[in-house]
Amino acid sequence: MMNARQMPLAFAPEEARLAVTGLAGCKEMQKRLSEMGLHVGGEVKVIRGCVTGPLLLAVGKSRLALGQEMSRKIFVTPLQDR
């Protein structure tokens, strides 16, 4: 269930620091996201967002590029709201 401040990662603004609050999709996709460092309770920062192309994220010391479809299945909340 989404709260008022929760949104899909695809809609997050550039430079936003976010907490991952939920992962949608099948178990394999959730496992893959977790292996990439994206898990509920984790933090991410949007380095580059784009309406049509991939998002570039900072996850710890790593950088990830996620497509729009996958980024719509990751739910986040701005860190200052936690």
N, C-alpha and C. Protein backbone atom coordinates (compact mmCIF):
# COMPACT_ATOMS: atom_id res chain seq x y z
N MET A 1 0.84 -1.18 0.00
CA MET A 1 0.00 0.00 0.00
C MET A 1 0.89 1.25 0.00
N MET A 2 0.58 2.20 -0.88
CA MET A 2 1.37 3.42 -1.00
C MET A 2 0.87 4.48 -0.04
N ASN A 3 1.80 5.27 0.52
CA ASN A 3 1.40 6.41 1.32
C ASN A 3 1.45 7.66 0.44
N ALA A 4 1.05 8.79 0.99
CA ALA A 4 0.93 10.02 0.20
C ALA A 4 2.26 10.49 -0.38
N ARG A 5 3.36 10.20 0.25
CA ARG A 5 4.67 10.67 -0.21
C ARG A 5 5.41 9.65 -1.06
N GLN A 6 4.89 8.45 -1.15
CA GLN A 6 5.55 7.39 -1.90
C GLN A 6 5.25 7.56 -3.39
N MET A 7 6.26 7.29 -4.21
CA MET A 7 6.10 7.42 -5.66
C MET A 7 7.01 6.42 -6.35
N PRO A 8 6.72 6.12 -7.61
CA PRO A 8 7.65 5.28 -8.37
C PRO A 8 8.97 6.04 -8.60
N LEU A 9 10.05 5.33 -8.58
CA LEU A 9 11.36 5.93 -8.79
C LEU A 9 11.44 6.70 -10.10
N ALA A 10 10.73 6.26 -11.12
CA ALA A 10 10.74 6.92 -12.43
C ALA A 10 10.32 8.38 -12.34
N PHE A 11 9.52 8.75 -11.33
CA PHE A 11 9.01 10.11 -11.21
C PHE A 11 9.83 10.99 -10.26
N ALA A 12 10.88 10.46 -9.70
CA ALA A 12 11.70 11.22 -8.75
C ALA A 12 12.55 12.26 -9.49
N PRO A 13 12.72 13.44 -8.90
CA PRO A 13 13.52 14.48 -9.54
C PRO A 13 15.02 14.19 -9.44
N GLU A 14 15.78 14.80 -10.32
CA GLU A 14 17.24 14.66 -10.28
C GLU A 14 17.77 15.21 -8.96
N GLU A 15 18.85 14.62 -8.49
CA GLU A 15 19.54 14.98 -7.25
C GLU A 15 18.76 14.60 -5.99
N ALA A 16 17.61 13.95 -6.13
CA ALA A 16 16.82 13.56 -4.96
C ALA A 16 17.49 12.40 -4.23
N ARG A 17 17.53 12.50 -2.91
CA ARG A 17 17.96 11.38 -2.05
C ARG A 17 16.69 10.71 -1.56
N LEU A 18 16.62 9.39 -1.75
CA LEU A 18 15.38 8.66 -1.51
C LEU A 18 15.61 7.39 -0.72
N ALA A 19 14.56 6.97 -0.03
CA ALA A 19 14.55 5.67 0.64
C ALA A 19 13.66 4.75 -0.17
N VAL A 20 14.12 3.54 -0.40
CA VAL A 20 13.32 2.54 -1.11
C VAL A 20 12.29 2.00 -0.12
N THR A 21 11.01 2.10 -0.51
CA THR A 21 9.93 1.67 0.37
C THR A 21 9.17 0.45 -0.15
N GLY A 22 9.39 0.08 -1.39
CA GLY A 22 8.70 -1.08 -1.92
C GLY A 22 9.23 -1.50 -3.27
N LEU A 23 9.11 -2.79 -3.55
CA LEU A 23 9.51 -3.35 -4.84
C LEU A 23 8.34 -4.16 -5.39
N ALA A 24 7.92 -3.85 -6.59
CA ALA A 24 6.86 -4.60 -7.25
C ALA A 24 7.49 -5.58 -8.22
N GLY A 25 6.68 -6.38 -8.85
CA GLY A 25 7.20 -7.32 -9.84
C GLY A 25 7.33 -8.72 -9.27
N CYS A 26 7.77 -9.62 -10.12
CA CYS A 26 7.89 -11.02 -9.73
C CYS A 26 9.08 -11.21 -8.77
N LYS A 27 9.14 -12.38 -8.15
CA LYS A 27 10.21 -12.68 -7.19
C LYS A 27 11.59 -12.61 -7.83
N GLU A 28 11.71 -13.04 -9.10
CA GLU A 28 13.01 -12.99 -9.76
C GLU A 28 13.49 -11.55 -9.93
N MET A 29 12.55 -10.66 -10.30
CA MET A 29 12.93 -9.26 -10.47
C MET A 29 13.30 -8.64 -9.13
N GLN A 30 12.55 -8.94 -8.09
CA GLN A 30 12.87 -8.42 -6.76
C GLN A 30 14.25 -8.91 -6.31
N LYS A 31 14.55 -10.17 -6.61
CA LYS A 31 15.86 -10.73 -6.26
C LYS A 31 16.97 -10.01 -7.03
N ARG A 32 16.74 -9.78 -8.30
CA ARG A 32 17.74 -9.10 -9.13
C ARG A 32 17.99 -7.67 -8.61
N LEU A 33 16.92 -6.95 -8.30
CA LEU A 33 17.06 -5.60 -7.76
C LEU A 33 17.84 -5.62 -6.44
N SER A 34 17.54 -6.59 -5.60
CA SER A 34 18.25 -6.72 -4.33
C SER A 34 19.74 -7.00 -4.56
N GLU A 35 20.05 -7.84 -5.52
CA GLU A 35 21.45 -8.13 -5.85
C GLU A 35 22.19 -6.90 -6.35
N MET A 36 21.44 -5.96 -6.95
CA MET A 36 22.04 -4.71 -7.44
C MET A 36 22.14 -3.66 -6.33
N GLY A 37 21.66 -3.99 -5.13
CA GLY A 37 21.75 -3.07 -4.00
C GLY A 37 20.48 -2.30 -3.73
N LEU A 38 19.43 -2.58 -4.48
CA LEU A 38 18.15 -1.90 -4.28
C LEU A 38 17.25 -2.81 -3.45
N HIS A 39 17.02 -2.43 -2.21
CA HIS A 39 16.18 -3.21 -1.31
C HIS A 39 15.40 -2.27 -0.41
N VAL A 40 14.29 -2.75 0.10
CA VAL A 40 13.45 -1.93 0.99
C VAL A 40 14.29 -1.49 2.19
N GLY A 41 14.26 -0.20 2.45
CA GLY A 41 15.05 0.38 3.53
C GLY A 41 16.37 0.97 3.06
N GLY A 42 16.76 0.65 1.84
CA GLY A 42 18.00 1.17 1.29
C GLY A 42 17.84 2.60 0.78
N GLU A 43 18.96 3.25 0.53
CA GLU A 43 18.95 4.63 0.04
C GLU A 43 19.50 4.69 -1.38
N VAL A 44 18.95 5.60 -2.17
CA VAL A 44 19.42 5.85 -3.53
C VAL A 44 19.43 7.35 -3.78
N LYS A 45 20.22 7.76 -4.75
CA LYS A 45 20.22 9.16 -5.19
C LYS A 45 20.08 9.16 -6.71
N VAL A 46 19.16 9.97 -7.21
CA VAL A 46 18.98 10.09 -8.66
C VAL A 46 20.05 11.03 -9.19
N ILE A 47 20.92 10.53 -10.03
CA ILE A 47 21.97 11.36 -10.63
C ILE A 47 21.41 12.01 -11.89
N ARG A 48 20.74 11.20 -12.71
CA ARG A 48 20.14 11.73 -13.93
C ARG A 48 18.81 11.04 -14.16
N GLY A 49 17.78 11.85 -14.28
CA GLY A 49 16.45 11.33 -14.57
C GLY A 49 16.06 11.73 -15.97
N CYS A 50 15.19 10.96 -16.57
CA CYS A 50 14.77 11.24 -17.93
C CYS A 50 13.40 10.62 -18.14
N VAL A 51 12.55 11.31 -18.87
CA VAL A 51 11.19 10.81 -19.11
C VAL A 51 11.19 9.59 -20.02
N THR A 52 12.09 9.54 -20.98
CA THR A 52 12.06 8.46 -21.95
C THR A 52 13.23 7.49 -21.87
N GLY A 53 14.32 7.87 -21.29
CA GLY A 53 15.49 7.00 -21.26
C GLY A 53 15.75 6.45 -19.88
N PRO A 54 16.90 5.81 -19.71
CA PRO A 54 17.23 5.22 -18.42
C PRO A 54 17.54 6.27 -17.35
N LEU A 55 17.33 5.88 -16.10
CA LEU A 55 17.71 6.71 -14.96
C LEU A 55 19.09 6.28 -14.52
N LEU A 56 19.90 7.22 -14.10
CA LEU A 56 21.21 6.92 -13.55
C LEU A 56 21.12 7.16 -12.05
N LEU A 57 21.46 6.13 -11.27
CA LEU A 57 21.32 6.18 -9.81
C LEU A 57 22.65 5.94 -9.13
N ALA A 58 22.79 6.52 -7.95
CA ALA A 58 23.89 6.18 -7.06
C ALA A 58 23.29 5.30 -5.96
N VAL A 59 23.87 4.12 -5.81
CA VAL A 59 23.47 3.19 -4.76
C VAL A 59 24.74 2.84 -4.01
N GLY A 60 24.92 3.47 -2.87
CA GLY A 60 26.20 3.32 -2.16
C GLY A 60 27.29 3.92 -3.02
N LYS A 61 28.35 3.16 -3.27
CA LYS A 61 29.45 3.63 -4.11
C LYS A 61 29.28 3.21 -5.57
N SER A 62 28.19 2.52 -5.86
CA SER A 62 27.92 2.03 -7.22
C SER A 62 27.03 3.00 -7.98
N ARG A 63 27.09 2.88 -9.31
CA ARG A 63 26.20 3.63 -10.19
C ARG A 63 25.42 2.62 -11.02
N LEU A 64 24.11 2.82 -11.11
CA LEU A 64 23.24 1.92 -11.87
C LEU A 64 22.45 2.69 -12.89
N ALA A 65 22.21 2.07 -14.02
CA ALA A 65 21.29 2.62 -15.02
C ALA A 65 20.09 1.68 -15.06
N LEU A 66 18.90 2.25 -14.86
CA LEU A 66 17.67 1.47 -14.88
C LEU A 66 16.73 2.00 -15.94
N GLY A 67 16.12 1.11 -16.69
CA GLY A 67 15.14 1.50 -17.69
C GLY A 67 13.86 2.00 -17.03
N GLN A 68 13.05 2.69 -17.82
CA GLN A 68 11.80 3.25 -17.32
C GLN A 68 10.87 2.18 -16.75
N GLU A 69 10.73 1.07 -17.44
CA GLU A 69 9.81 0.02 -16.99
C GLU A 69 10.20 -0.48 -15.60
N MET A 70 11.47 -0.77 -15.40
CA MET A 70 11.92 -1.27 -14.11
C MET A 70 11.83 -0.19 -13.04
N SER A 71 12.15 1.06 -13.39
CA SER A 71 12.13 2.13 -12.39
C SER A 71 10.70 2.46 -11.92
N ARG A 72 9.71 2.05 -12.68
CA ARG A 72 8.31 2.26 -12.25
C ARG A 72 7.86 1.21 -11.24
N LYS A 73 8.67 0.19 -11.03
CA LYS A 73 8.33 -0.88 -10.09
C LYS A 73 9.07 -0.75 -8.77
N ILE A 74 9.83 0.32 -8.63
CA ILE A 74 10.56 0.60 -7.39
C ILE A 74 9.91 1.82 -6.76
N PHE A 75 9.43 1.66 -5.53
CA PHE A 75 8.74 2.76 -4.86
C PHE A 75 9.65 3.40 -3.83
N VAL A 76 9.62 4.73 -3.79
CA VAL A 76 10.55 5.50 -2.95
C VAL A 76 9.81 6.62 -2.22
N THR A 77 10.46 7.12 -1.17
CA THR A 77 10.00 8.26 -0.40
C THR A 77 11.19 9.19 -0.21
N PRO A 78 11.02 10.51 -0.37
CA PRO A 78 12.13 11.43 -0.08
C PRO A 78 12.64 11.25 1.33
N LEU A 79 13.95 11.27 1.52
CA LEU A 79 14.54 11.02 2.83
C LEU A 79 14.14 12.04 3.88
N GLN A 80 13.97 13.30 3.52
CA GLN A 80 13.63 14.30 4.52
C GLN A 80 12.24 14.06 5.12
N ASP A 81 11.42 13.22 4.49
CA ASP A 81 10.07 12.94 5.00
C ASP A 81 10.05 11.76 5.96
N ARG A 82 11.17 11.10 6.15
CA ARG A 82 11.20 9.91 7.01
C ARG A 82 11.54 10.29 8.42
